N, C-alpha and C. Protein backbone atom coordinates (compact mmCIF):
# COMPACT_ATOMS: atom_id res chain seq x y z
N MET A 1 -2.54 6.30 36.20
CA MET A 1 -2.09 5.22 35.36
C MET A 1 -1.78 5.74 33.96
N LYS A 2 -0.62 5.34 33.44
CA LYS A 2 -0.20 5.79 32.12
C LYS A 2 -0.71 4.83 31.04
N VAL A 3 -1.35 5.38 30.02
CA VAL A 3 -1.86 4.57 28.92
C VAL A 3 -0.76 4.41 27.88
N LYS A 4 -0.51 3.16 27.48
CA LYS A 4 0.53 2.89 26.48
C LYS A 4 0.05 3.34 25.10
N LYS A 5 0.90 4.11 24.44
CA LYS A 5 0.57 4.63 23.12
C LYS A 5 0.79 3.54 22.06
N ILE A 6 -0.18 3.36 21.19
CA ILE A 6 -0.07 2.37 20.12
C ILE A 6 0.61 3.03 18.93
N PRO A 7 1.75 2.45 18.47
CA PRO A 7 2.43 3.05 17.32
C PRO A 7 1.59 2.96 16.05
N GLU A 8 1.52 4.06 15.32
CA GLU A 8 0.76 4.09 14.07
C GLU A 8 1.68 4.40 12.91
N ARG A 9 1.34 3.87 11.75
CA ARG A 9 2.07 4.13 10.52
C ARG A 9 1.07 4.45 9.42
N MET A 10 1.55 5.12 8.37
CA MET A 10 0.68 5.46 7.26
C MET A 10 0.78 4.41 6.16
N CYS A 11 -0.37 3.99 5.67
CA CYS A 11 -0.42 3.04 4.56
C CYS A 11 0.06 3.74 3.28
N THR A 12 0.93 3.07 2.55
CA THR A 12 1.46 3.61 1.30
C THR A 12 0.38 3.72 0.22
N GLY A 13 -0.61 2.83 0.28
CA GLY A 13 -1.66 2.82 -0.73
C GLY A 13 -2.73 3.86 -0.51
N CYS A 14 -3.33 3.88 0.69
CA CYS A 14 -4.48 4.76 0.93
C CYS A 14 -4.15 6.00 1.77
N SER A 15 -2.93 6.09 2.28
CA SER A 15 -2.46 7.24 3.09
C SER A 15 -3.26 7.45 4.38
N VAL A 16 -3.78 6.35 4.95
CA VAL A 16 -4.52 6.42 6.20
C VAL A 16 -3.61 5.90 7.32
N MET A 17 -3.61 6.63 8.46
CA MET A 17 -2.84 6.21 9.62
C MET A 17 -3.56 5.04 10.30
N LYS A 18 -2.83 3.95 10.53
CA LYS A 18 -3.41 2.77 11.18
C LYS A 18 -2.40 2.22 12.17
N PRO A 19 -2.87 1.42 13.15
CA PRO A 19 -1.92 0.78 14.07
C PRO A 19 -0.93 -0.09 13.30
N LYS A 20 0.33 -0.01 13.70
CA LYS A 20 1.42 -0.71 13.04
C LYS A 20 1.15 -2.21 12.87
N LYS A 21 0.53 -2.82 13.87
CA LYS A 21 0.25 -4.27 13.85
C LYS A 21 -0.71 -4.68 12.74
N GLU A 22 -1.53 -3.74 12.27
CA GLU A 22 -2.51 -4.06 11.23
C GLU A 22 -1.93 -3.98 9.82
N LEU A 23 -0.70 -3.48 9.70
CA LEU A 23 -0.09 -3.25 8.40
C LEU A 23 1.01 -4.26 8.10
N ILE A 24 1.33 -4.41 6.83
CA ILE A 24 2.44 -5.25 6.39
C ILE A 24 3.62 -4.32 6.10
N ARG A 25 4.80 -4.68 6.57
CA ARG A 25 5.99 -3.84 6.36
C ARG A 25 6.81 -4.39 5.20
N ILE A 26 7.24 -3.48 4.33
CA ILE A 26 8.14 -3.81 3.24
C ILE A 26 9.43 -3.08 3.57
N VAL A 27 10.55 -3.78 3.54
CA VAL A 27 11.80 -3.17 3.98
C VAL A 27 12.89 -3.24 2.92
N LYS A 28 13.65 -2.14 2.81
CA LYS A 28 14.82 -2.11 1.93
C LYS A 28 16.04 -2.28 2.81
N GLY A 29 16.76 -3.38 2.63
CA GLY A 29 17.94 -3.69 3.45
C GLY A 29 19.18 -2.94 2.98
N LYS A 30 20.29 -3.19 3.69
CA LYS A 30 21.55 -2.52 3.37
C LYS A 30 22.03 -2.79 1.94
N ASP A 31 21.85 -4.03 1.47
CA ASP A 31 22.32 -4.37 0.13
C ASP A 31 21.27 -4.14 -0.95
N GLU A 32 20.40 -3.13 -0.69
CA GLU A 32 19.41 -2.68 -1.67
C GLU A 32 18.39 -3.76 -2.06
N ASP A 33 18.23 -4.80 -1.23
CA ASP A 33 17.21 -5.81 -1.54
C ASP A 33 15.92 -5.47 -0.82
N ILE A 34 14.82 -5.76 -1.46
CA ILE A 34 13.52 -5.43 -0.89
C ILE A 34 12.84 -6.73 -0.47
N SER A 35 12.34 -6.76 0.77
CA SER A 35 11.68 -7.96 1.25
C SER A 35 10.45 -7.59 2.07
N VAL A 36 9.57 -8.58 2.23
CA VAL A 36 8.37 -8.41 3.05
C VAL A 36 8.77 -8.79 4.47
N ASP A 37 8.57 -7.88 5.41
CA ASP A 37 8.96 -8.09 6.79
C ASP A 37 7.73 -8.28 7.66
N LEU A 38 7.38 -9.53 7.92
CA LEU A 38 6.18 -9.82 8.70
C LEU A 38 6.39 -9.61 10.20
N THR A 39 7.66 -9.64 10.64
CA THR A 39 7.95 -9.44 12.06
C THR A 39 7.98 -7.97 12.42
N GLY A 40 8.29 -7.10 11.44
CA GLY A 40 8.39 -5.66 11.69
C GLY A 40 9.69 -5.30 12.39
N LYS A 41 10.67 -6.21 12.39
CA LYS A 41 11.90 -5.99 13.13
C LYS A 41 13.17 -5.93 12.27
N LYS A 42 13.05 -6.23 10.99
CA LYS A 42 14.23 -6.22 10.12
C LYS A 42 14.81 -4.81 10.04
N PRO A 43 16.14 -4.71 10.00
CA PRO A 43 16.74 -3.38 9.88
C PRO A 43 16.60 -2.85 8.45
N GLY A 44 16.49 -1.55 8.31
CA GLY A 44 16.41 -0.94 6.99
C GLY A 44 15.25 0.02 6.87
N ARG A 45 15.13 0.61 5.71
CA ARG A 45 14.08 1.59 5.41
C ARG A 45 12.77 0.85 5.19
N GLY A 46 11.74 1.22 5.91
CA GLY A 46 10.48 0.51 5.81
C GLY A 46 9.35 1.34 5.23
N ALA A 47 8.42 0.66 4.60
CA ALA A 47 7.18 1.26 4.13
C ALA A 47 6.08 0.30 4.54
N TYR A 48 4.88 0.82 4.75
CA TYR A 48 3.79 -0.01 5.26
C TYR A 48 2.61 0.00 4.31
N ILE A 49 1.89 -1.12 4.29
CA ILE A 49 0.71 -1.21 3.43
C ILE A 49 -0.38 -2.00 4.15
N CYS A 50 -1.64 -1.59 3.93
CA CYS A 50 -2.79 -2.28 4.53
C CYS A 50 -2.88 -3.71 4.00
N ARG A 51 -3.58 -4.55 4.73
CA ARG A 51 -3.85 -5.91 4.25
C ARG A 51 -5.08 -5.86 3.35
N ASP A 52 -5.00 -5.04 2.31
CA ASP A 52 -6.11 -4.83 1.39
C ASP A 52 -5.56 -4.75 -0.03
N LEU A 53 -6.14 -5.54 -0.91
CA LEU A 53 -5.68 -5.59 -2.30
C LEU A 53 -5.80 -4.24 -3.00
N LYS A 54 -6.85 -3.47 -2.67
CA LYS A 54 -7.03 -2.16 -3.30
C LYS A 54 -5.87 -1.23 -2.96
N CYS A 55 -5.41 -1.27 -1.70
CA CYS A 55 -4.28 -0.43 -1.29
C CYS A 55 -3.01 -0.84 -2.03
N LEU A 56 -2.80 -2.15 -2.17
CA LEU A 56 -1.61 -2.65 -2.88
C LEU A 56 -1.64 -2.21 -4.34
N GLU A 57 -2.80 -2.34 -4.98
CA GLU A 57 -2.92 -1.93 -6.38
C GLU A 57 -2.71 -0.42 -6.53
N GLN A 58 -3.23 0.36 -5.58
CA GLN A 58 -3.05 1.81 -5.61
C GLN A 58 -1.57 2.18 -5.47
N ALA A 59 -0.88 1.52 -4.54
CA ALA A 59 0.54 1.78 -4.31
C ALA A 59 1.36 1.39 -5.54
N PHE A 60 0.96 0.30 -6.21
CA PHE A 60 1.65 -0.17 -7.41
C PHE A 60 1.43 0.80 -8.57
N LYS A 61 0.18 1.21 -8.75
CA LYS A 61 -0.19 2.09 -9.86
C LYS A 61 0.49 3.46 -9.76
N THR A 62 0.53 4.01 -8.56
CA THR A 62 1.10 5.35 -8.38
C THR A 62 2.61 5.32 -8.11
N LYS A 63 3.19 4.11 -8.03
CA LYS A 63 4.62 3.92 -7.74
C LYS A 63 5.02 4.54 -6.39
N ARG A 64 4.05 4.64 -5.48
CA ARG A 64 4.30 5.25 -4.17
C ARG A 64 5.25 4.41 -3.32
N LEU A 65 5.16 3.10 -3.46
CA LEU A 65 6.04 2.20 -2.73
C LEU A 65 7.50 2.42 -3.16
N GLU A 66 7.70 2.59 -4.45
CA GLU A 66 9.04 2.85 -4.98
C GLU A 66 9.58 4.18 -4.46
N ARG A 67 8.73 5.20 -4.41
CA ARG A 67 9.16 6.51 -3.91
C ARG A 67 9.53 6.44 -2.43
N ASN A 68 8.72 5.73 -1.63
CA ASN A 68 9.00 5.62 -0.20
C ASN A 68 10.30 4.89 0.09
N LEU A 69 10.59 3.86 -0.71
CA LEU A 69 11.80 3.08 -0.48
C LEU A 69 13.00 3.61 -1.24
N GLY A 70 12.76 4.47 -2.23
CA GLY A 70 13.85 5.04 -3.02
C GLY A 70 14.51 4.03 -3.92
N LEU A 71 13.75 3.04 -4.36
CA LEU A 71 14.30 1.95 -5.17
C LEU A 71 13.20 1.33 -6.01
N LYS A 72 13.56 0.83 -7.19
CA LYS A 72 12.58 0.16 -8.05
C LYS A 72 12.12 -1.13 -7.38
N VAL A 73 10.82 -1.30 -7.28
CA VAL A 73 10.26 -2.51 -6.66
C VAL A 73 9.84 -3.45 -7.78
N ASN A 74 10.43 -4.66 -7.78
CA ASN A 74 10.11 -5.57 -8.88
C ASN A 74 8.80 -6.32 -8.66
N GLU A 75 8.35 -6.95 -9.72
CA GLU A 75 7.04 -7.62 -9.75
C GLU A 75 6.90 -8.69 -8.67
N ASP A 76 7.99 -9.42 -8.35
CA ASP A 76 7.77 -10.48 -7.38
C ASP A 76 7.61 -10.04 -5.94
N VAL A 77 8.04 -8.84 -5.62
CA VAL A 77 7.74 -8.29 -4.29
C VAL A 77 6.23 -8.01 -4.23
N TYR A 78 5.69 -7.47 -5.31
CA TYR A 78 4.24 -7.23 -5.37
C TYR A 78 3.46 -8.54 -5.29
N ASN A 79 3.97 -9.58 -5.97
CA ASN A 79 3.29 -10.87 -5.94
C ASN A 79 3.33 -11.49 -4.55
N ARG A 80 4.46 -11.36 -3.84
CA ARG A 80 4.55 -11.87 -2.46
C ARG A 80 3.58 -11.13 -1.54
N LEU A 81 3.50 -9.80 -1.73
CA LEU A 81 2.55 -9.00 -0.94
C LEU A 81 1.11 -9.42 -1.24
N LYS A 82 0.82 -9.64 -2.50
CA LYS A 82 -0.53 -10.05 -2.91
C LYS A 82 -0.88 -11.39 -2.27
N ASN A 83 0.07 -12.34 -2.30
CA ASN A 83 -0.15 -13.65 -1.68
C ASN A 83 -0.37 -13.52 -0.17
N GLU A 84 0.39 -12.64 0.46
CA GLU A 84 0.26 -12.41 1.91
C GLU A 84 -1.13 -11.84 2.23
N ILE A 85 -1.59 -10.90 1.43
CA ILE A 85 -2.90 -10.29 1.65
C ILE A 85 -4.02 -11.30 1.42
N LEU A 86 -3.87 -12.10 0.39
CA LEU A 86 -4.91 -13.10 0.07
C LEU A 86 -4.87 -14.29 1.02
N GLY A 87 -3.78 -14.43 1.77
CA GLY A 87 -3.68 -15.47 2.77
C GLY A 87 -3.11 -16.78 2.28
N ASP A 88 -2.58 -16.81 1.04
CA ASP A 88 -1.96 -18.05 0.58
C ASP A 88 -0.45 -17.87 0.45
N ASN A 89 0.18 -17.61 1.59
CA ASN A 89 1.62 -17.35 1.65
C ASN A 89 2.38 -18.67 1.80
N PRO A 90 3.16 -19.08 0.79
CA PRO A 90 3.89 -20.34 0.87
C PRO A 90 5.07 -20.29 1.88
N GLU A 91 5.53 -19.08 2.23
CA GLU A 91 6.67 -18.96 3.12
C GLU A 91 6.31 -19.16 4.59
N ALA A 92 5.05 -19.03 4.92
CA ALA A 92 4.63 -19.11 6.33
C ALA A 92 4.57 -20.54 6.84
């Protein structure tokens, strides 16, 4: 019997490999817009972050998210991520 491999991605904040389903994906689309991709299916360059405020703050402080996406990440993307992590997401 073949065991299905679970896809893993590295968190931008803490640099730990975790199962893709446990992480939040941030994606840079074709028109250079950055959005939070909760489905994990949007096309574009993606970066992943743990559902942990410390990881988000670390990624923000070191500008690692900006380096991974190759684009300046504005404050409201960080605020949307923070809301998603804290569980008070108005978009859901």
